[in-house]
Amino acid sequence: MSDDLPTAFNITVPPEHVEGHYADFASVWHNNETFILDFVSMSRPPVPTRNDDGTSVARVDAQVVTRVRIPAAQVWEVMKALQTQLGQWESEHPERRQS
């Protein structure tokens, strides 16, 4: 690509990925070169149980439905895009805004 030309991505989604995956939460971690986002779906509701030390906890059985690896250099761009989209969503849904 030439540095003096603007970039226009032509992004397509294969039919088998159009629906996407539902995830209840995401786990984010990193290594030296990459940030990893594990999108996780709960297998069933939390179950009250006890740890080995006797403390009460709610055990959550869950499974990774999608793992996304992002080069460290791209993390800021992803964060800015999420912030932009969240701002737009909050403008459209002011009653659901989180504090």
PDB file of N, CA and C in Angstrom:
ATOM      1  N   MET A   1       0.828  -1.188   0.000  1.00  0.00           N
ATOM      2  CA  MET A   1       0.000   0.000   0.000  1.00  0.00           C
ATOM      3  C   MET A   1       0.868   1.244   0.000  1.00  0.00           C
ATOM      4  N   SER A   2       0.420   2.235  -0.673  1.00  0.00           N
ATOM      5  CA  SER A   2       1.138   3.487  -0.717  1.00  0.00           C
ATOM      6  C   SER A   2       0.763   4.349   0.488  1.00  0.00           C
ATOM      7  N   ASP A   3       1.749   4.967   1.117  1.00  0.00           N
ATOM      8  CA  ASP A   3       1.493   5.780   2.303  1.00  0.00           C
ATOM      9  C   ASP A   3       0.724   7.060   2.000  1.00  0.00           C
ATOM     10  N   ASP A   4       0.720   7.522   0.758  1.00  0.00           N
ATOM     11  CA  ASP A   4       0.061   8.781   0.445  1.00  0.00           C
ATOM     12  C   ASP A   4      -1.396   8.605   0.003  1.00  0.00           C
ATOM     13  N   LEU A   5      -1.889   7.384  -0.064  1.00  0.00           N
ATOM     14  CA  LEU A   5      -3.276   7.138  -0.448  1.00  0.00           C
ATOM     15  C   LEU A   5      -4.110   6.738   0.762  1.00  0.00           C
ATOM     16  N   PRO A   6      -5.345   7.272   0.850  1.00  0.00           N
ATOM     17  CA  PRO A   6      -6.214   6.803   1.933  1.00  0.00           C
ATOM     18  C   PRO A   6      -6.582   5.336   1.717  1.00  0.00           C
ATOM     19  N   THR A   7      -6.868   4.656   2.807  1.00  0.00           N
ATOM     20  CA  THR A   7      -7.211   3.241   2.735  1.00  0.00           C
ATOM     21  C   THR A   7      -8.721   3.078   2.837  1.00  0.00           C
ATOM     22  N   ALA A   8      -9.288   2.263   1.962  1.00  0.00           N
ATOM     23  CA  ALA A   8     -10.713   1.946   2.001  1.00  0.00           C
ATOM     24  C   ALA A   8     -10.839   0.429   2.058  1.00  0.00           C
ATOM     25  N   PHE A   9     -11.192  -0.085   3.232  1.00  0.00           N
ATOM     26  CA  PHE A   9     -11.334  -1.524   3.383  1.00  0.00           C
ATOM     27  C   PHE A   9     -12.678  -1.979   2.816  1.00  0.00           C
ATOM     28  N   ASN A  10     -12.663  -3.096   2.135  1.00  0.00           N
ATOM     29  CA  ASN A  10     -13.880  -3.732   1.637  1.00  0.00           C
ATOM     30  C   ASN A  10     -14.039  -5.025   2.437  1.00  0.00           C
ATOM     31  N   ILE A  11     -14.781  -4.940   3.549  1.00  0.00           N
ATOM     32  CA  ILE A  11     -14.876  -6.053   4.488  1.00  0.00           C
ATOM     33  C   ILE A  11     -16.135  -6.860   4.200  1.00  0.00           C
ATOM     34  N   THR A  12     -15.969  -8.162   4.103  1.00  0.00           N
ATOM     35  CA  THR A  12     -17.111  -9.054   3.935  1.00  0.00           C
ATOM     36  C   THR A  12     -17.148 -10.029   5.107  1.00  0.00           C
ATOM     37  N   VAL A  13     -18.321 -10.553   5.388  1.00  0.00           N
ATOM     38  CA  VAL A  13     -18.493 -11.546   6.447  1.00  0.00           C
ATOM     39  C   VAL A  13     -18.977 -12.824   5.781  1.00  0.00           C
ATOM     40  N   PRO A  14     -18.243 -13.925   5.921  1.00  0.00           N
ATOM     41  CA  PRO A  14     -18.698 -15.189   5.342  1.00  0.00           C
ATOM     42  C   PRO A  14     -20.066 -15.560   5.920  1.00  0.00           C
ATOM     43  N   PRO A  15     -20.923 -16.166   5.116  1.00  0.00           N
ATOM     44  CA  PRO A  15     -22.280 -16.492   5.584  1.00  0.00           C
ATOM     45  C   PRO A  15     -22.313 -17.249   6.909  1.00  0.00           C
ATOM     46  N   GLU A  16     -21.364 -18.143   7.130  1.00  0.00           N
ATOM     47  CA  GLU A  16     -21.387 -18.927   8.369  1.00  0.00           C
ATOM     48  C   GLU A  16     -21.041 -18.099   9.606  1.00  0.00           C
ATOM     49  N   HIS A  17     -20.584 -16.841   9.411  1.00  0.00           N
ATOM     50  CA  HIS A  17     -20.236 -15.986  10.545  1.00  0.00           C
ATOM     51  C   HIS A  17     -21.179 -14.809  10.719  1.00  0.00           C
ATOM     52  N   VAL A  18     -22.158 -14.657   9.850  1.00  0.00           N
ATOM     53  CA  VAL A  18     -23.052 -13.500   9.906  1.00  0.00           C
ATOM     54  C   VAL A  18     -23.805 -13.437  11.237  1.00  0.00           C
ATOM     55  N   GLU A  19     -24.287 -14.563  11.711  1.00  0.00           N
ATOM     56  CA  GLU A  19     -25.062 -14.572  12.957  1.00  0.00           C
ATOM     57  C   GLU A  19     -24.209 -14.222  14.164  1.00  0.00           C
ATOM     58  N   GLY A  20     -22.955 -14.585  14.156  1.00  0.00           N
ATOM     59  CA  GLY A  20     -22.066 -14.303  15.269  1.00  0.00           C
ATOM     60  C   GLY A  20     -22.290 -15.251  16.428  1.00  0.00           C
ATOM     61  N   HIS A  21     -21.664 -14.940  17.560  1.00  0.00           N
ATOM     62  CA  HIS A  21     -21.772 -15.741  18.771  1.00  0.00           C
ATOM     63  C   HIS A  21     -22.215 -14.845  19.910  1.00  0.00           C
ATOM     64  N   TYR A  22     -23.128 -15.332  20.721  1.00  0.00           N
ATOM     65  CA  TYR A  22     -23.505 -14.612  21.932  1.00  0.00           C
ATOM     66  C   TYR A  22     -22.462 -14.899  23.007  1.00  0.00           C
ATOM     67  N   ALA A  23     -22.078 -13.873  23.756  1.00  0.00           N
ATOM     68  CA  ALA A  23     -21.142 -14.049  24.865  1.00  0.00           C
ATOM     69  C   ALA A  23     -21.661 -13.285  26.075  1.00  0.00           C
ATOM     70  N   ASP A  24     -21.602 -13.936  27.247  1.00  0.00           N
ATOM     71  CA  ASP A  24     -22.018 -13.291  28.484  1.00  0.00           C
ATOM     72  C   ASP A  24     -20.952 -12.336  29.016  1.00  0.00           C
ATOM     73  N   PHE A  25     -19.696 -12.630  28.725  1.00  0.00           N
ATOM     74  CA  PHE A  25     -18.614 -11.767  29.167  1.00  0.00           C
ATOM     75  C   PHE A  25     -17.356 -12.080  28.362  1.00  0.00           C
ATOM     76  N   ALA A  26     -16.336 -11.242  28.570  1.00  0.00           N
ATOM     77  CA  ALA A  26     -15.067 -11.442  27.877  1.00  0.00           C
ATOM     78  C   ALA A  26     -13.939 -11.442  28.895  1.00  0.00           C
ATOM     79  N   SER A  27     -12.969 -12.279  28.662  1.00  0.00           N
ATOM     80  CA  SER A  27     -11.748 -12.307  29.450  1.00  0.00           C
ATOM     81  C   SER A  27     -10.641 -11.758  28.559  1.00  0.00           C
ATOM     82  N   VAL A  28      -9.908 -10.779  29.063  1.00  0.00           N
ATOM     83  CA  VAL A  28      -8.854 -10.143  28.268  1.00  0.00           C
ATOM     84  C   VAL A  28      -7.514 -10.381  28.944  1.00  0.00           C
ATOM     85  N   TRP A  29      -6.544 -10.850  28.166  1.00  0.00           N
ATOM     86  CA  TRP A  29      -5.201 -11.083  28.690  1.00  0.00           C
ATOM     87  C   TRP A  29      -4.205 -10.811  27.587  1.00  0.00           C
ATOM     88  N   HIS A  30      -2.913 -10.891  27.880  1.00  0.00           N
ATOM     89  CA  HIS A  30      -1.902 -10.555  26.874  1.00  0.00           C
ATOM     90  C   HIS A  30      -0.628 -11.362  27.089  1.00  0.00           C
ATOM     91  N   ASN A  31       0.161 -11.391  26.020  1.00  0.00           N
ATOM     92  CA  ASN A  31       1.531 -11.877  26.100  1.00  0.00           C
ATOM     93  C   ASN A  31       2.410 -10.758  25.550  1.00  0.00           C
ATOM     94  N   ASN A  32       3.637 -11.040  25.175  1.00  0.00           N
ATOM     95  CA  ASN A  32       4.547  -9.971  24.735  1.00  0.00           C
ATOM     96  C   ASN A  32       4.116  -9.261  23.462  1.00  0.00           C
ATOM     97  N   GLU A  33       3.437  -9.960  22.554  1.00  0.00           N
ATOM     98  CA  GLU A  33       3.110  -9.383  21.249  1.00  0.00           C
ATOM     99  C   GLU A  33       1.620  -9.191  20.984  1.00  0.00           C
ATOM    100  N   THR A  34       0.767  -9.839  21.777  1.00  0.00           N
ATOM    101  CA  THR A  34      -0.643  -9.946  21.405  1.00  0.00           C
ATOM    102  C   THR A  34      -1.559  -9.759  22.604  1.00  0.00           C
ATOM    103  N   PHE A  35      -2.705  -9.130  22.362  1.00  0.00           N
ATOM    104  CA  PHE A  35      -3.786  -9.123  23.340  1.00  0.00           C
ATOM    105  C   PHE A  35      -4.781 -10.185  22.896  1.00  0.00           C
ATOM    106  N   ILE A  36      -5.294 -10.943  23.857  1.00  0.00           N
ATOM    107  CA  ILE A  36      -6.213 -12.035  23.547  1.00  0.00           C
ATOM    108  C   ILE A  36      -7.537 -11.744  24.240  1.00  0.00           C
ATOM    109  N   LEU A  37      -8.618 -11.796  23.469  1.00  0.00           N
ATOM    110  CA  LEU A  37      -9.960 -11.615  24.001  1.00  0.00           C
ATOM    111  C   LEU A  37     -10.686 -12.939  23.873  1.00  0.00           C
ATOM    112  N   ASP A  38     -11.035 -13.536  24.991  1.00  0.00           N
ATOM    113  CA  ASP A  38     -11.830 -14.756  24.999  1.00  0.00           C
ATOM    114  C   ASP A  38     -13.271 -14.356  25.298  1.00  0.00           C
ATOM    115  N   PHE A  39     -14.160 -14.545  24.342  1.00  0.00           N
ATOM    116  CA  PHE A  39     -15.571 -14.266  24.534  1.00  0.00           C
ATOM    117  C   PHE A  39     -16.214 -15.546  25.049  1.00  0.00           C
ATOM    118  N   VAL A  40     -16.906 -15.428  26.188  1.00  0.00           N
ATOM    119  CA  VAL A  40     -17.334 -16.589  26.950  1.00  0.00           C
ATOM    120  C   VAL A  40     -18.846 -16.603  27.125  1.00  0.00           C
ATOM    121  N   SER A  41     -19.420 -17.789  26.991  1.00  0.00           N
ATOM    122  CA  SER A  41     -20.847 -17.990  27.212  1.00  0.00           C
ATOM    123  C   SER A  41     -21.032 -18.953  28.374  1.00  0.00           C
ATOM    124  N   MET A  42     -21.913 -18.576  29.302  1.00  0.00           N
ATOM    125  CA  MET A  42     -22.181 -19.448  30.447  1.00  0.00           C
ATOM    126  C   MET A  42     -22.918 -20.693  29.980  1.00  0.00           C
ATOM    127  N   SER A  43     -22.529 -21.848  30.533  1.00  0.00           N
ATOM    128  CA  SER A  43     -23.163 -23.118  30.182  1.00  0.00           C
ATOM    129  C   SER A  43     -24.457 -23.332  30.949  1.00  0.00           C
ATOM    130  N   ARG A  44     -24.514 -22.765  32.159  1.00  0.00           N
ATOM    131  CA  ARG A  44     -25.710 -22.864  33.000  1.00  0.00           C
ATOM    132  C   ARG A  44     -25.618 -21.778  34.056  1.00  0.00           C
ATOM    133  N   PRO A  45     -26.689 -21.545  34.803  1.00  0.00           N
ATOM    134  CA  PRO A  45     -26.642 -20.508  35.847  1.00  0.00           C
ATOM    135  C   PRO A  45     -25.582 -20.825  36.902  1.00  0.00           C
ATOM    136  N   PRO A  46     -25.107 -19.796  37.604  1.00  0.00           N
ATOM    137  CA  PRO A  46     -24.129 -20.018  38.670  1.00  0.00           C
ATOM    138  C   PRO A  46     -24.667 -20.987  39.729  1.00  0.00           C
ATOM    139  N   VAL A  47     -23.752 -21.775  40.307  1.00  0.00           N
ATOM    140  CA  VAL A  47     -24.102 -22.774  41.314  1.00  0.00           C
ATOM    141  C   VAL A  47     -23.364 -22.436  42.607  1.00  0.00           C
ATOM    142  N   PRO A  48     -24.104 -22.243  43.725  1.00  0.00           N
ATOM    143  CA  PRO A  48     -23.419 -21.991  44.995  1.00  0.00           C
ATOM    144  C   PRO A  48     -22.567 -23.204  45.382  1.00  0.00           C
ATOM    145  N   THR A  49     -21.342 -22.955  45.794  1.00  0.00           N
ATOM    146  CA  THR A  49     -20.430 -24.023  46.200  1.00  0.00           C
ATOM    147  C   THR A  49     -19.414 -23.452  47.181  1.00  0.00           C
ATOM    148  N   ARG A  50     -18.487 -24.277  47.624  1.00  0.00           N
ATOM    149  CA  ARG A  50     -17.440 -23.825  48.549  1.00  0.00           C
ATOM    150  C   ARG A  50     -16.062 -24.097  47.953  1.00  0.00           C
ATOM    151  N   ASN A  51     -15.140 -23.165  48.185  1.00  0.00           N
ATOM    152  CA  ASN A  51     -13.742 -23.361  47.803  1.00  0.00           C
ATOM    153  C   ASN A  51     -13.106 -24.366  48.742  1.00  0.00           C
ATOM    154  N   ASP A  52     -11.869 -24.760  48.434  1.00  0.00           N
ATOM    155  CA  ASP A  52     -11.121 -25.678  49.296  1.00  0.00           C
ATOM    156  C   ASP A  52     -10.945 -25.130  50.710  1.00  0.00           C
ATOM    157  N   ASP A  53     -10.893 -23.790  50.832  1.00  0.00           N
ATOM    158  CA  ASP A  53     -10.713 -23.185  52.161  1.00  0.00           C
ATOM    159  C   ASP A  53     -12.040 -22.978  52.894  1.00  0.00           C
ATOM    160  N   GLY A  54     -13.145 -23.413  52.279  1.00  0.00           N
ATOM    161  CA  GLY A  54     -14.447 -23.331  52.929  1.00  0.00           C
ATOM    162  C   GLY A  54     -15.249 -22.084  52.639  1.00  0.00           C
ATOM    163  N   THR A  55     -14.672 -21.127  51.919  1.00  0.00           N
ATOM    164  CA  THR A  55     -15.416 -19.914  51.602  1.00  0.00           C
ATOM    165  C   THR A  55     -16.467 -20.195  50.533  1.00  0.00           C
ATOM    166  N   SER A  56     -17.596 -19.517  50.654  1.00  0.00           N
ATOM    167  CA  SER A  56     -18.688 -19.688  49.695  1.00  0.00           C
ATOM    168  C   SER A  56     -18.407 -18.904  48.421  1.00  0.00           C
ATOM    169  N   VAL A  57     -18.667 -19.521  47.286  1.00  0.00           N
ATOM    170  CA  VAL A  57     -18.532 -18.879  45.978  1.00  0.00           C
ATOM    171  C   VAL A  57     -19.659 -19.366  45.074  1.00  0.00           C
ATOM    172  N   ALA A  58     -19.890 -18.628  44.025  1.00  0.00           N
ATOM    173  CA  ALA A  58     -20.818 -19.077  42.994  1.00  0.00           C
ATOM    174  C   ALA A  58     -19.979 -19.590  41.832  1.00  0.00           C
ATOM    175  N   ARG A  59     -20.027 -20.894  41.566  1.00  0.00           N
ATOM    176  CA  ARG A  59     -19.261 -21.475  40.461  1.00  0.00           C
ATOM    177  C   ARG A  59     -20.014 -21.213  39.164  1.00  0.00           C
ATOM    178  N   VAL A  60     -19.297 -20.716  38.174  1.00  0.00           N
ATOM    179  CA  VAL A  60     -19.881 -20.436  36.862  1.00  0.00           C
ATOM    180  C   VAL A  60     -19.218 -21.347  35.844  1.00  0.00           C
ATOM    181  N   ASP A  61     -19.987 -22.262  35.291  1.00  0.00           N
ATOM    182  CA  ASP A  61     -19.485 -23.101  34.205  1.00  0.00           C
ATOM    183  C   ASP A  61     -19.682 -22.344  32.907  1.00  0.00           C
ATOM    184  N   ALA A  62     -18.603 -22.173  32.164  1.00  0.00           N
ATOM    185  CA  ALA A  62     -18.659 -21.371  30.948  1.00  0.00           C
ATOM    186  C   ALA A  62     -17.691 -21.926  29.917  1.00  0.00           C
ATOM    187  N   GLN A  63     -17.903 -21.521  28.668  1.00  0.00           N
ATOM    188  CA  GLN A  63     -17.063 -22.001  27.574  1.00  0.00           C
ATOM    189  C   GLN A  63     -16.715 -20.832  26.658  1.00  0.00           C
ATOM    190  N   VAL A  64     -15.473 -20.818  26.189  1.00  0.00           N
ATOM    191  CA  VAL A  64     -15.064 -19.812  25.207  1.00  0.00           C
ATOM    192  C   VAL A  64     -15.773 -20.123  23.892  1.00  0.00           C
ATOM    193  N   VAL A  65     -16.509 -19.128  23.366  1.00  0.00           N
ATOM    194  CA  VAL A  65     -17.183 -19.316  22.079  1.00  0.00           C
ATOM    195  C   VAL A  65     -16.372 -18.737  20.931  1.00  0.00           C
ATOM    196  N   THR A  66     -15.521 -17.755  21.262  1.00  0.00           N
ATOM    197  CA  THR A  66     -14.654 -17.162  20.241  1.00  0.00           C
ATOM    198  C   THR A  66     -13.422 -16.577  20.917  1.00  0.00           C
ATOM    199  N   ARG A  67     -12.250 -16.831  20.350  1.00  0.00           N
ATOM    200  CA  ARG A  67     -11.014 -16.215  20.816  1.00  0.00           C
ATOM    201  C   ARG A  67     -10.518 -15.306  19.698  1.00  0.00           C
ATOM    202  N   VAL A  68     -10.222 -14.060  20.063  1.00  0.00           N
ATOM    203  CA  VAL A  68      -9.717 -13.088  19.098  1.00  0.00           C
ATOM    204  C   VAL A  68      -8.351 -12.620  19.564  1.00  0.00           C
ATOM    205  N   ARG A  69      -7.371 -12.702  18.680  1.00  0.00           N
ATOM    206  CA  ARG A  69      -6.010 -12.247  18.974  1.00  0.00           C
ATOM    207  C   ARG A  69      -5.780 -10.938  18.227  1.00  0.00           C
ATOM    208  N   ILE A  70      -5.325  -9.921  18.965  1.00  0.00           N
ATOM    209  CA  ILE A  70      -5.113  -8.599  18.384  1.00  0.00           C
ATOM    210  C   ILE A  70      -3.657  -8.200  18.598  1.00  0.00           C
ATOM    211  N   PRO A  71      -2.952  -7.803  17.531  1.00  0.00           N
ATOM    212  CA  PRO A  71      -1.582  -7.326  17.713  1.00  0.00           C
ATOM    213  C   PRO A  71      -1.574  -6.141  18.688  1.00  0.00           C
ATOM    214  N   ALA A  72      -0.592  -6.106  19.554  1.00  0.00           N
ATOM    215  CA  ALA A  72      -0.520  -5.048  20.560  1.00  0.00           C
ATOM    216  C   ALA A  72      -0.629  -3.655  19.937  1.00  0.00           C
ATOM    217  N   ALA A  73      -0.067  -3.463  18.769  1.00  0.00           N
ATOM    218  CA  ALA A  73      -0.113  -2.157  18.109  1.00  0.00           C
ATOM    219  C   ALA A  73      -1.531  -1.738  17.734  1.00  0.00           C
ATOM    220  N   GLN A  74      -2.456  -2.678  17.641  1.00  0.00           N
ATOM    221  CA  GLN A  74      -3.830  -2.365  17.240  1.00  0.00           C
ATOM    222  C   GLN A  74      -4.780  -2.150  18.414  1.00  0.00           C
ATOM    223  N   VAL A  75      -4.354  -2.422  19.631  1.00  0.00           N
ATOM    224  CA  VAL A  75      -5.258  -2.349  20.783  1.00  0.00           C
ATOM    225  C   VAL A  75      -5.847  -0.952  20.949  1.00  0.00           C
ATOM    226  N   TRP A  76      -5.031   0.088  20.778  1.00  0.00           N
ATOM    227  CA  TRP A  76      -5.555   1.453  20.929  1.00  0.00           C
ATOM    228  C   TRP A  76      -6.642   1.739  19.896  1.00  0.00           C
ATOM    229  N   GLU A  77      -6.476   1.255  18.686  1.00  0.00           N
ATOM    230  CA  GLU A  77      -7.496   1.475  17.660  1.00  0.00           C
ATOM    231  C   GLU A  77      -8.798   0.766  18.021  1.00  0.00           C
ATOM    232  N   VAL A  78      -8.687  -0.442  18.569  1.00  0.00           N
ATOM    233  CA  VAL A  78      -9.883  -1.179  19.000  1.00  0.00           C
ATOM    234  C   VAL A  78     -10.564  -0.429  20.141  1.00  0.00           C
ATOM    235  N   MET A  79      -9.789   0.070  21.099  1.00  0.00           N
ATOM    236  CA  MET A  79     -10.362   0.808  22.219  1.00  0.00           C
ATOM    237  C   MET A  79     -11.066   2.072  21.750  1.00  0.00           C
ATOM    238  N   LYS A  80     -10.470   2.797  20.804  1.00  0.00           N
ATOM    239  CA  LYS A  80     -11.099   4.011  20.286  1.00  0.00           C
ATOM    240  C   LYS A  80     -12.395   3.678  19.555  1.00  0.00           C
ATOM    241  N   ALA A  81     -12.391   2.595  18.787  1.00  0.00           N
ATOM    242  CA  ALA A  81     -13.597   2.195  18.065  1.00  0.00           C
ATOM    243  C   ALA A  81     -14.707   1.798  19.040  1.00  0.00           C
ATOM    244  N   LEU A  82     -14.354   1.068  20.094  1.00  0.00           N
ATOM    245  CA  LEU A  82     -15.352   0.699  21.108  1.00  0.00           C
ATOM    246  C   LEU A  82     -15.901   1.935  21.809  1.00  0.00           C
ATOM    247  N   GLN A  83     -15.029   2.878  22.130  1.00  0.00           N
ATOM    248  CA  GLN A  83     -15.465   4.106  22.792  1.00  0.00           C
ATOM    249  C   GLN A  83     -16.417   4.897  21.896  1.00  0.00           C
ATOM    250  N   THR A  84     -16.099   4.989  20.620  1.00  0.00           N
ATOM    251  CA  THR A  84     -16.962   5.689  19.671  1.00  0.00           C
ATOM    252  C   THR A  84     -18.329   5.015  19.580  1.00  0.00           C
ATOM    253  N   GLN A  85     -18.331   3.694  19.430  1.00  0.00           N
ATOM    254  CA  GLN A  85     -19.588   2.963  19.321  1.00  0.00           C
ATOM    255  C   GLN A  85     -20.406   3.037  20.608  1.00  0.00           C
ATOM    256  N   LEU A  86     -19.727   2.965  21.769  1.00  0.00           N
ATOM    257  CA  LEU A  86     -20.432   3.083  23.045  1.00  0.00           C
ATOM    258  C   LEU A  86     -21.073   4.461  23.177  1.00  0.00           C
ATOM    259  N   GLY A  87     -20.366   5.498  22.784  1.00  0.00           N
ATOM    260  CA  GLY A  87     -20.920   6.850  22.820  1.00  0.00           C
ATOM    261  C   GLY A  87     -22.153   6.980  21.947  1.00  0.00           C
ATOM    262  N   GLN A  88     -22.107   6.407  20.762  1.00  0.00           N
ATOM    263  CA  GLN A  88     -23.269   6.439  19.878  1.00  0.00           C
ATOM    264  C   GLN A  88     -24.434   5.661  20.484  1.00  0.00           C
ATOM    265  N   TRP A  89     -24.150   4.491  21.060  1.00  0.00           N
ATOM    266  CA  TRP A  89     -25.194   3.678  21.676  1.00  0.00           C
ATOM    267  C   TRP A  89     -25.830   4.419  22.851  1.00  0.00           C
ATOM    268  N   GLU A  90     -24.988   5.070  23.685  1.00  0.00           N
ATOM    269  CA  GLU A  90     -25.515   5.821  24.822  1.00  0.00           C
ATOM    270  C   GLU A  90     -26.394   6.980  24.368  1.00  0.00           C
ATOM    271  N   SER A  91     -26.048   7.613  23.248  1.00  0.00           N
ATOM    272  CA  SER A  91     -26.887   8.685  22.706  1.00  0.00           C
ATOM    273  C   SER A  91     -28.238   8.151  22.247  1.00  0.00           C
ATOM    274  N   GLU A  92     -28.240   6.953  21.698  1.00  0.00           N
ATOM    275  CA  GLU A  92     -29.477   6.341  21.211  1.00  0.00           C
ATOM    276  C   GLU A  92     -30.316   5.760  22.342  1.00  0.00           C
ATOM    277  N   HIS A  93     -29.674   5.402  23.474  1.00  0.00           N
ATOM    278  CA  HIS A  93     -30.352   4.739  24.589  1.00  0.00           C
ATOM    279  C   HIS A  93     -30.003   5.427  25.912  1.00  0.00           C
ATOM    280  N   PRO A  94     -30.369   6.696  26.090  1.00  0.00           N
ATOM    281  CA  PRO A  94     -29.956   7.410  27.302  1.00  0.00           C
ATOM    282  C   PRO A  94     -30.492   6.774  28.590  1.00  0.00           C
ATOM    283  N   GLU A  95     -31.600   6.095  28.523  1.00  0.00           N
ATOM    284  CA  GLU A  95     -32.173   5.463  29.712  1.00  0.00           C
ATOM    285  C   GLU A  95     -31.374   4.264  30.186  1.00  0.00           C
ATOM    286  N   ARG A  96     -30.510   3.725  29.355  1.00  0.00           N
ATOM    287  CA  ARG A  96     -29.732   2.533  29.710  1.00  0.00           C
ATOM    288  C   ARG A  96     -28.281   2.849  30.005  1.00  0.00           C
ATOM    289  N   ARG A  97     -27.943   4.114  30.056  1.00  0.00           N
ATOM    290  CA  ARG A  97     -26.549   4.512  30.283  1.00  0.00           C
ATOM    291  C   ARG A  97     -26.074   4.051  31.654  1.00  0.00           C
ATOM    292  N   GLN A  98     -24.873   3.467  31.693  1.00  0.00           N
ATOM    293  CA  GLN A  98     -24.272   3.006  32.935  1.00  0.00           C
ATOM    294  C   GLN A  98     -23.443   4.144  33.534  1.00  0.00           C
ATOM    295  N   SER A  99     -23.430   4.244  34.849  1.00  0.00           N
ATOM    296  CA  SER A  99     -22.616   5.285  35.486  1.00  0.00           C
ATOM    297  C   SER A  99     -21.285   4.745  35.902  1.00  0.00           C
TER     298      SER A  99
END
